Amino acid sequence: MAALTAIGKSKEGMSNPEVEDAINDTSEWTTLWVIRQLTSLGFIEFKVDYFGNPARYQLSEAGKNAMSVMTGQPLPQKPAPAPTAVAPKAT
């Protein structure tokens, strides 16, 4: 739960060392186990940056839904698309 909460709070996602710090873990095996569990459940996704920055874990839609159920807080609503102006018909 600590890793899922920490990943959910970060806007850009979290890299491996950031996840280790978030769950207060010094064993890479434990971090690997946590990441594998969250990935296999479909709660997080692994996003690779092809320009040299570290790859990051981010919440998937299933992870966002799971967080809202576990914490009891509603999902943040996406802003509605702005209405488009309709040109009047020529008669």
PDB file of N, CA and C in Angstrom:
ATOM      1  N   MET A   1       0.822  -1.187   0.000  1.00  0.00           N
ATOM      2  CA  MET A   1       0.000   0.000   0.000  1.00  0.00           C
ATOM      3  C   MET A   1       0.868   1.253   0.000  1.00  0.00           C
ATOM      4  N   ALA A   2       2.022   1.194   0.651  1.00  0.00           N
ATOM      5  CA  ALA A   2       2.885   2.373   0.718  1.00  0.00           C
ATOM      6  C   ALA A   2       3.431   2.733  -0.657  1.00  0.00           C
ATOM      7  N   ALA A   3       3.821   1.732  -1.420  1.00  0.00           N
ATOM      8  CA  ALA A   3       4.355   2.002  -2.761  1.00  0.00           C
ATOM      9  C   ALA A   3       3.263   2.535  -3.673  1.00  0.00           C
ATOM     10  N   LEU A   4       2.080   1.966  -3.613  1.00  0.00           N
ATOM     11  CA  LEU A   4       0.975   2.415  -4.454  1.00  0.00           C
ATOM     12  C   LEU A   4       0.584   3.847  -4.109  1.00  0.00           C
ATOM     13  N   THR A   5       0.553   4.186  -2.838  1.00  0.00           N
ATOM     14  CA  THR A   5       0.227   5.542  -2.408  1.00  0.00           C
ATOM     15  C   THR A   5       1.289   6.527  -2.867  1.00  0.00           C
ATOM     16  N   ALA A   6       2.557   6.153  -2.717  1.00  0.00           N
ATOM     17  CA  ALA A   6       3.647   7.044  -3.118  1.00  0.00           C
ATOM     18  C   ALA A   6       3.646   7.273  -4.620  1.00  0.00           C
ATOM     19  N   ILE A   7       3.434   6.230  -5.397  1.00  0.00           N
ATOM     20  CA  ILE A   7       3.389   6.372  -6.854  1.00  0.00           C
ATOM     21  C   ILE A   7       2.185   7.220  -7.261  1.00  0.00           C
ATOM     22  N   GLY A   8       1.083   7.059  -6.561  1.00  0.00           N
ATOM     23  CA  GLY A   8      -0.115   7.835  -6.860  1.00  0.00           C
ATOM     24  C   GLY A   8       0.054   9.322  -6.578  1.00  0.00           C
ATOM     25  N   LYS A   9       0.859   9.662  -5.584  1.00  0.00           N
ATOM     26  CA  LYS A   9       1.060  11.066  -5.228  1.00  0.00           C
ATOM     27  C   LYS A   9       2.028  11.784  -6.163  1.00  0.00           C
ATOM     28  N   SER A  10       2.915  11.042  -6.812  1.00  0.00           N
ATOM     29  CA  SER A  10       3.895  11.684  -7.686  1.00  0.00           C
ATOM     30  C   SER A  10       3.267  11.976  -9.046  1.00  0.00           C
ATOM     31  N   LYS A  11       3.550  13.136  -9.568  1.00  0.00           N
ATOM     32  CA  LYS A  11       2.938  13.543 -10.842  1.00  0.00           C
ATOM     33  C   LYS A  11       3.609  12.883 -12.035  1.00  0.00           C
ATOM     34  N   GLU A  12       4.938  12.771 -12.017  1.00  0.00           N
ATOM     35  CA  GLU A  12       5.649  12.193 -13.154  1.00  0.00           C
ATOM     36  C   GLU A  12       5.876  10.699 -13.001  1.00  0.00           C
ATOM     37  N   GLY A  13       5.510  10.122 -11.858  1.00  0.00           N
ATOM     38  CA  GLY A  13       5.805   8.733 -11.587  1.00  0.00           C
ATOM     39  C   GLY A  13       7.060   8.631 -10.749  1.00  0.00           C
ATOM     40  N   MET A  14       7.481   7.408 -10.442  1.00  0.00           N
ATOM     41  CA  MET A  14       8.647   7.201  -9.592  1.00  0.00           C
ATOM     42  C   MET A  14       9.601   6.215 -10.234  1.00  0.00           C
ATOM     43  N   SER A  15      10.898   6.468 -10.072  1.00  0.00           N
ATOM     44  CA  SER A  15      11.921   5.549 -10.552  1.00  0.00           C
ATOM     45  C   SER A  15      12.183   4.497  -9.468  1.00  0.00           C
ATOM     46  N   ASN A  16      13.001   3.499  -9.780  1.00  0.00           N
ATOM     47  CA  ASN A  16      13.299   2.436  -8.819  1.00  0.00           C
ATOM     48  C   ASN A  16      13.862   2.970  -7.500  1.00  0.00           C
ATOM     49  N   PRO A  17      14.885   3.843  -7.519  1.00  0.00           N
ATOM     50  CA  PRO A  17      15.400   4.341  -6.232  1.00  0.00           C
ATOM     51  C   PRO A  17      14.367   5.147  -5.442  1.00  0.00           C
ATOM     52  N   GLU A  18      13.503   5.855  -6.136  1.00  0.00           N
ATOM     53  CA  GLU A  18      12.464   6.627  -5.442  1.00  0.00           C
ATOM     54  C   GLU A  18      11.446   5.705  -4.782  1.00  0.00           C
ATOM     55  N   VAL A  19      11.134   4.588  -5.426  1.00  0.00           N
ATOM     56  CA  VAL A  19      10.209   3.617  -4.829  1.00  0.00           C
ATOM     57  C   VAL A  19      10.847   3.000  -3.592  1.00  0.00           C
ATOM     58  N   GLU A  20      12.145   2.677  -3.661  1.00  0.00           N
ATOM     59  CA  GLU A  20      12.841   2.116  -2.499  1.00  0.00           C
ATOM     60  C   GLU A  20      12.800   3.073  -1.323  1.00  0.00           C
ATOM     61  N   ASP A  21      13.013   4.361  -1.587  1.00  0.00           N
ATOM     62  CA  ASP A  21      12.952   5.354  -0.515  1.00  0.00           C
ATOM     63  C   ASP A  21      11.538   5.485   0.036  1.00  0.00           C
ATOM     64  N   ALA A  22      10.541   5.413  -0.829  1.00  0.00           N
ATOM     65  CA  ALA A  22       9.153   5.597  -0.403  1.00  0.00           C
ATOM     66  C   ALA A  22       8.684   4.475   0.519  1.00  0.00           C
ATOM     67  N   ILE A  23       9.138   3.260   0.267  1.00  0.00           N
ATOM     68  CA  ILE A  23       8.691   2.148   1.105  1.00  0.00           C
ATOM     69  C   ILE A  23       9.688   1.822   2.206  1.00  0.00           C
ATOM     70  N   ASN A  24      10.708   2.679   2.374  1.00  0.00           N
ATOM     71  CA  ASN A  24      11.725   2.498   3.420  1.00  0.00           C
ATOM     72  C   ASN A  24      12.345   1.111   3.362  1.00  0.00           C
ATOM     73  N   ASP A  25      12.873   0.784   2.203  1.00  0.00           N
ATOM     74  CA  ASP A  25      13.415  -0.543   1.985  1.00  0.00           C
ATOM     75  C   ASP A  25      14.864  -0.436   1.552  1.00  0.00           C
ATOM     76  N   THR A  26      15.701  -1.271   2.117  1.00  0.00           N
ATOM     77  CA  THR A  26      17.102  -1.307   1.690  1.00  0.00           C
ATOM     78  C   THR A  26      17.414  -2.579   0.919  1.00  0.00           C
ATOM     79  N   SER A  27      16.432  -3.436   0.750  1.00  0.00           N
ATOM     80  CA  SER A  27      16.613  -4.677   0.015  1.00  0.00           C
ATOM     81  C   SER A  27      15.982  -4.547  -1.363  1.00  0.00           C
ATOM     82  N   GLU A  28      16.788  -4.709  -2.382  1.00  0.00           N
ATOM     83  CA  GLU A  28      16.257  -4.620  -3.740  1.00  0.00           C
ATOM     84  C   GLU A  28      15.276  -5.747  -4.031  1.00  0.00           C
ATOM     85  N   TRP A  29      15.416  -6.866  -3.341  1.00  0.00           N
ATOM     86  CA  TRP A  29      14.508  -7.990  -3.560  1.00  0.00           C
ATOM     87  C   TRP A  29      13.097  -7.651  -3.112  1.00  0.00           C
ATOM     88  N   THR A  30      12.987  -6.971  -1.995  1.00  0.00           N
ATOM     89  CA  THR A  30      11.656  -6.595  -1.502  1.00  0.00           C
ATOM     90  C   THR A  30      11.012  -5.589  -2.443  1.00  0.00           C
ATOM     91  N   THR A  31      11.785  -4.631  -2.917  1.00  0.00           N
ATOM     92  CA  THR A  31      11.260  -3.645  -3.862  1.00  0.00           C
ATOM     93  C   THR A  31      10.816  -4.335  -5.145  1.00  0.00           C
ATOM     94  N   LEU A  32      11.620  -5.251  -5.636  1.00  0.00           N
ATOM     95  CA  LEU A  32      11.269  -5.997  -6.837  1.00  0.00           C
ATOM     96  C   LEU A  32       9.974  -6.772  -6.636  1.00  0.00           C
ATOM     97  N   TRP A  33       9.799  -7.377  -5.466  1.00  0.00           N
ATOM     98  CA  TRP A  33       8.576  -8.128  -5.178  1.00  0.00           C
ATOM     99  C   TRP A  33       7.357  -7.207  -5.194  1.00  0.00           C
ATOM    100  N   VAL A  34       7.485  -6.040  -4.567  1.00  0.00           N
ATOM    101  CA  VAL A  34       6.371  -5.089  -4.519  1.00  0.00           C
ATOM    102  C   VAL A  34       6.016  -4.626  -5.930  1.00  0.00           C
ATOM    103  N   ILE A  35       7.018  -4.274  -6.712  1.00  0.00           N
ATOM    104  CA  ILE A  35       6.785  -3.792  -8.084  1.00  0.00           C
ATOM    105  C   ILE A  35       6.151  -4.884  -8.932  1.00  0.00           C
ATOM    106  N   ARG A  36       6.615  -6.115  -8.791  1.00  0.00           N
ATOM    107  CA  ARG A  36       6.028  -7.226  -9.560  1.00  0.00           C
ATOM    108  C   ARG A  36       4.564  -7.446  -9.188  1.00  0.00           C
ATOM    109  N   GLN A  37       4.252  -7.355  -7.909  1.00  0.00           N
ATOM    110  CA  GLN A  37       2.867  -7.542  -7.481  1.00  0.00           C
ATOM    111  C   GLN A  37       1.963  -6.460  -8.059  1.00  0.00           C
ATOM    112  N   LEU A  38       2.396  -5.193  -7.969  1.00  0.00           N
ATOM    113  CA  LEU A  38       1.578  -4.094  -8.472  1.00  0.00           C
ATOM    114  C   LEU A  38       1.435  -4.141  -9.991  1.00  0.00           C
ATOM    115  N   THR A  39       2.494  -4.557 -10.680  1.00  0.00           N
ATOM    116  CA  THR A  39       2.435  -4.659 -12.140  1.00  0.00           C
ATOM    117  C   THR A  39       1.537  -5.818 -12.562  1.00  0.00           C
ATOM    118  N   SER A  40       1.645  -6.940 -11.885  1.00  0.00           N
ATOM    119  CA  SER A  40       0.829  -8.099 -12.265  1.00  0.00           C
ATOM    120  C   SER A  40      -0.656  -7.854 -12.001  1.00  0.00           C
ATOM    121  N   LEU A  41      -0.968  -7.043 -11.005  1.00  0.00           N
ATOM    122  CA  LEU A  41      -2.361  -6.691 -10.750  1.00  0.00           C
ATOM    123  C   LEU A  41      -2.874  -5.632 -11.721  1.00  0.00           C
ATOM    124  N   GLY A  42      -1.963  -5.007 -12.446  1.00  0.00           N
ATOM    125  CA  GLY A  42      -2.353  -3.979 -13.410  1.00  0.00           C
ATOM    126  C   GLY A  42      -2.521  -2.610 -12.775  1.00  0.00           C
ATOM    127  N   PHE A  43      -1.999  -2.427 -11.554  1.00  0.00           N
ATOM    128  CA  PHE A  43      -2.154  -1.160 -10.852  1.00  0.00           C
ATOM    129  C   PHE A  43      -1.134  -0.111 -11.289  1.00  0.00           C
ATOM    130  N   ILE A  44       0.022  -0.549 -11.767  1.00  0.00           N
ATOM    131  CA  ILE A  44       1.038   0.399 -12.222  1.00  0.00           C
ATOM    132  C   ILE A  44       1.517   0.007 -13.614  1.00  0.00           C
ATOM    133  N   GLU A  45       2.072   0.995 -14.306  1.00  0.00           N
ATOM    134  CA  GLU A  45       2.651   0.785 -15.633  1.00  0.00           C
ATOM    135  C   GLU A  45       4.083   1.291 -15.607  1.00  0.00           C
ATOM    136  N   PHE A  46       4.919   0.714 -16.432  1.00  0.00           N
ATOM    137  CA  PHE A  46       6.321   1.095 -16.530  1.00  0.00           C
ATOM    138  C   PHE A  46       6.488   1.935 -17.789  1.00  0.00           C
ATOM    139  N   LYS A  47       6.850   3.189 -17.618  1.00  0.00           N
ATOM    140  CA  LYS A  47       7.026   4.110 -18.740  1.00  0.00           C
ATOM    141  C   LYS A  47       8.522   4.350 -18.954  1.00  0.00           C
ATOM    142  N   VAL A  48       9.002   4.023 -20.141  1.00  0.00           N
ATOM    143  CA  VAL A  48      10.414   4.180 -20.478  1.00  0.00           C
ATOM    144  C   VAL A  48      10.625   5.521 -21.159  1.00  0.00           C
ATOM    145  N   ASP A  49      11.666   6.237 -20.738  1.00  0.00           N
ATOM    146  CA  ASP A  49      12.040   7.500 -21.372  1.00  0.00           C
ATOM    147  C   ASP A  49      13.229   7.212 -22.285  1.00  0.00           C
ATOM    148  N   TYR A  50      13.068   7.458 -23.560  1.00  0.00           N
ATOM    149  CA  TYR A  50      14.092   7.114 -24.533  1.00  0.00           C
ATOM    150  C   TYR A  50      15.187   8.176 -24.669  1.00  0.00           C
ATOM    151  N   PHE A  51      15.116   9.236 -23.878  1.00  0.00           N
ATOM    152  CA  PHE A  51      16.077  10.313 -24.008  1.00  0.00           C
ATOM    153  C   PHE A  51      17.031  10.401 -22.828  1.00  0.00           C
ATOM    154  N   GLY A  52      17.258   9.319 -22.117  1.00  0.00           N
ATOM    155  CA  GLY A  52      18.271   9.272 -21.080  1.00  0.00           C
ATOM    156  C   GLY A  52      17.780   9.463 -19.662  1.00  0.00           C
ATOM    157  N   ASN A  53      16.554   9.878 -19.467  1.00  0.00           N
ATOM    158  CA  ASN A  53      16.025  10.013 -18.114  1.00  0.00           C
ATOM    159  C   ASN A  53      15.629   8.637 -17.596  1.00  0.00           C
ATOM    160  N   PRO A  54      15.553   8.471 -16.277  1.00  0.00           N
ATOM    161  CA  PRO A  54      15.197   7.149 -15.757  1.00  0.00           C
ATOM    162  C   PRO A  54      13.753   6.774 -16.096  1.00  0.00           C
ATOM    163  N   ALA A  55      13.541   5.484 -16.275  1.00  0.00           N
ATOM    164  CA  ALA A  55      12.183   4.978 -16.501  1.00  0.00           C
ATOM    165  C   ALA A  55      11.394   5.147 -15.209  1.00  0.00           C
ATOM    166  N   ARG A  56      10.082   5.263 -15.330  1.00  0.00           N
ATOM    167  CA  ARG A  56       9.254   5.559 -14.167  1.00  0.00           C
ATOM    168  C   ARG A  56       8.027   4.659 -14.124  1.00  0.00           C
ATOM    169  N   TYR A  57       7.582   4.397 -12.903  1.00  0.00           N
ATOM    170  CA  TYR A  57       6.339   3.673 -12.671  1.00  0.00           C
ATOM    171  C   TYR A  57       5.234   4.693 -12.464  1.00  0.00           C
ATOM    172  N   GLN A  58       4.091   4.486 -13.124  1.00  0.00           N
ATOM    173  CA  GLN A  58       2.945   5.380 -12.992  1.00  0.00           C
ATOM    174  C   GLN A  58       1.698   4.550 -12.751  1.00  0.00           C
ATOM    175  N   LEU A  59       0.725   5.162 -12.092  1.00  0.00           N
ATOM    176  CA  LEU A  59      -0.545   4.472 -11.849  1.00  0.00           C
ATOM    177  C   LEU A  59      -1.306   4.289 -13.154  1.00  0.00           C
ATOM    178  N   SER A  60      -1.890   3.122 -13.323  1.00  0.00           N
ATOM    179  CA  SER A  60      -2.781   2.882 -14.451  1.00  0.00           C
ATOM    180  C   SER A  60      -4.197   3.242 -14.017  1.00  0.00           C
ATOM    181  N   GLU A  61      -5.150   3.108 -14.921  1.00  0.00           N
ATOM    182  CA  GLU A  61      -6.544   3.386 -14.563  1.00  0.00           C
ATOM    183  C   GLU A  61      -7.023   2.430 -13.472  1.00  0.00           C
ATOM    184  N   ALA A  62      -6.619   1.165 -13.559  1.00  0.00           N
ATOM    185  CA  ALA A  62      -6.997   0.201 -12.525  1.00  0.00           C
ATOM    186  C   ALA A  62      -6.379   0.591 -11.185  1.00  0.00           C
ATOM    187  N   GLY A  63      -5.169   1.110 -11.208  1.00  0.00           N
ATOM    188  CA  GLY A  63      -4.518   1.563  -9.978  1.00  0.00           C
ATOM    189  C   GLY A  63      -5.210   2.764  -9.374  1.00  0.00           C
ATOM    190  N   LYS A  64      -5.665   3.680 -10.228  1.00  0.00           N
ATOM    191  CA  LYS A  64      -6.404   4.847  -9.726  1.00  0.00           C
ATOM    192  C   LYS A  64      -7.715   4.416  -9.089  1.00  0.00           C
ATOM    193  N   ASN A  65      -8.399   3.465  -9.719  1.00  0.00           N
ATOM    194  CA  ASN A  65      -9.645   2.950  -9.153  1.00  0.00           C
ATOM    195  C   ASN A  65      -9.391   2.232  -7.826  1.00  0.00           C
ATOM    196  N   ALA A  66      -8.317   1.441  -7.765  1.00  0.00           N
ATOM    197  CA  ALA A  66      -7.979   0.731  -6.533  1.00  0.00           C
ATOM    198  C   ALA A  66      -7.644   1.708  -5.414  1.00  0.00           C
ATOM    199  N   MET A  67      -6.920   2.774  -5.741  1.00  0.00           N
ATOM    200  CA  MET A  67      -6.586   3.782  -4.732  1.00  0.00           C
ATOM    201  C   MET A  67      -7.844   4.450  -4.195  1.00  0.00           C
ATOM    202  N   SER A  68      -8.792   4.748  -5.065  1.00  0.00           N
ATOM    203  CA  SER A  68     -10.014   5.401  -4.592  1.00  0.00           C
ATOM    204  C   SER A  68     -10.827   4.463  -3.704  1.00  0.00           C
ATOM    205  N   VAL A  69     -10.823   3.175  -4.008  1.00  0.00           N
ATOM    206  CA  VAL A  69     -11.552   2.209  -3.182  1.00  0.00           C
ATOM    207  C   VAL A  69     -10.854   2.032  -1.833  1.00  0.00           C
ATOM    208  N   MET A  70      -9.529   1.910  -1.833  1.00  0.00           N
ATOM    209  CA  MET A  70      -8.793   1.677  -0.591  1.00  0.00           C
ATOM    210  C   MET A  70      -8.792   2.884   0.334  1.00  0.00           C
ATOM    211  N   THR A  71      -8.707   4.076  -0.242  1.00  0.00           N
ATOM    212  CA  THR A  71      -8.651   5.273   0.590  1.00  0.00           C
ATOM    213  C   THR A  71     -10.026   5.851   0.872  1.00  0.00           C
ATOM    214  N   GLY A  72     -11.022   5.479   0.083  1.00  0.00           N
ATOM    215  CA  GLY A  72     -12.356   6.004   0.267  1.00  0.00           C
ATOM    216  C   GLY A  72     -12.550   7.394  -0.316  1.00  0.00           C
ATOM    217  N   GLN A  73     -11.569   7.867  -1.054  1.00  0.00           N
ATOM    218  CA  GLN A  73     -11.674   9.182  -1.684  1.00  0.00           C
ATOM    219  C   GLN A  73     -12.096   8.999  -3.135  1.00  0.00           C
ATOM    220  N   PRO A  74     -12.955   9.882  -3.631  1.00  0.00           N
ATOM    221  CA  PRO A  74     -13.390   9.743  -5.029  1.00  0.00           C
ATOM    222  C   PRO A  74     -12.251  10.051  -5.994  1.00  0.00           C
ATOM    223  N   LEU A  75     -12.370   9.507  -7.185  1.00  0.00           N
ATOM    224  CA  LEU A  75     -11.392   9.786  -8.235  1.00  0.00           C
ATOM    225  C   LEU A  75     -11.456  11.255  -8.625  1.00  0.00           C
ATOM    226  N   PRO A  76     -10.334  11.869  -8.924  1.00  0.00           N
ATOM    227  CA  PRO A  76     -10.396  13.248  -9.424  1.00  0.00           C
ATOM    228  C   PRO A  76     -11.093  13.271 -10.774  1.00  0.00           C
ATOM    229  N   GLN A  77     -12.002  14.197 -10.922  1.00  0.00           N
ATOM    230  CA  GLN A  77     -12.774  14.288 -12.156  1.00  0.00           C
ATOM    231  C   GLN A  77     -11.943  14.963 -13.236  1.00  0.00           C
ATOM    232  N   LYS A  78     -12.010  14.400 -14.420  1.00  0.00           N
ATOM    233  CA  LYS A  78     -11.342  15.011 -15.558  1.00  0.00           C
ATOM    234  C   LYS A  78     -12.176  16.198 -16.019  1.00  0.00           C
ATOM    235  N   PRO A  79     -11.523  17.286 -16.409  1.00  0.00           N
ATOM    236  CA  PRO A  79     -12.312  18.429 -16.867  1.00  0.00           C
ATOM    237  C   PRO A  79     -13.081  18.076 -18.133  1.00  0.00           C
ATOM    238  N   ALA A  80     -14.301  18.568 -18.200  1.00  0.00           N
ATOM    239  CA  ALA A  80     -15.143  18.316 -19.372  1.00  0.00           C
ATOM    240  C   ALA A  80     -14.599  19.091 -20.562  1.00  0.00           C
ATOM    241  N   PRO A  81     -14.701  18.526 -21.757  1.00  0.00           N
ATOM    242  CA  PRO A  81     -14.202  19.257 -22.922  1.00  0.00           C
ATOM    243  C   PRO A  81     -14.996  20.540 -23.130  1.00  0.00           C
ATOM    244  N   ALA A  82     -14.291  21.563 -23.563  1.00  0.00           N
ATOM    245  CA  ALA A  82     -14.943  22.848 -23.784  1.00  0.00           C
ATOM    246  C   ALA A  82     -15.899  22.733 -24.971  1.00  0.00           C
ATOM    247  N   PRO A  83     -17.069  23.343 -24.853  1.00  0.00           N
ATOM    248  CA  PRO A  83     -18.008  23.268 -25.984  1.00  0.00           C
ATOM    249  C   PRO A  83     -17.443  24.024 -27.193  1.00  0.00           C
ATOM    250  N   THR A  84     -17.650  23.463 -28.334  1.00  0.00           N
ATOM    251  CA  THR A  84     -17.171  24.113 -29.557  1.00  0.00           C
ATOM    252  C   THR A  84     -18.276  24.972 -30.151  1.00  0.00           C
ATOM    253  N   ALA A  85     -17.866  26.045 -30.745  1.00  0.00           N
ATOM    254  CA  ALA A  85     -18.832  26.946 -31.369  1.00  0.00           C
ATOM    255  C   ALA A  85     -19.321  26.325 -32.679  1.00  0.00           C
ATOM    256  N   VAL A  86     -20.617  26.389 -32.880  1.00  0.00           N
ATOM    257  CA  VAL A  86     -21.214  25.843 -34.096  1.00  0.00           C
ATOM    258  C   VAL A  86     -21.559  27.009 -35.014  1.00  0.00           C
ATOM    259  N   ALA A  87     -21.085  26.929 -36.224  1.00  0.00           N
ATOM    260  CA  ALA A  87     -21.366  28.001 -37.202  1.00  0.00           C
ATOM    261  C   ALA A  87     -22.835  27.941 -37.614  1.00  0.00           C
ATOM    262  N   PRO A  88     -23.498  29.108 -37.732  1.00  0.00           N
ATOM    263  CA  PRO A  88     -24.905  29.090 -38.157  1.00  0.00           C
ATOM    264  C   PRO A  88     -24.996  28.638 -39.616  1.00  0.00           C
ATOM    265  N   LYS A  89     -26.098  27.949 -39.895  1.00  0.00           N
ATOM    266  CA  LYS A  89     -26.312  27.453 -41.267  1.00  0.00           C
ATOM    267  C   LYS A  89     -26.737  28.600 -42.168  1.00  0.00           C
ATOM    268  N   ALA A  90     -26.200  28.579 -43.348  1.00  0.00           N
ATOM    269  CA  ALA A  90     -26.610  29.598 -44.346  1.00  0.00           C
ATOM    270  C   ALA A  90     -27.929  29.148 -44.962  1.00  0.00           C
ATOM    271  N   THR A  91     -28.868  30.064 -45.134  1.00  0.00           N
ATOM    272  CA  THR A  91     -30.168  29.699 -45.706  1.00  0.00           C
ATOM    273  C   THR A  91     -30.339  30.213 -47.109  1.00  0.00           C
TER     274      THR A  91
END
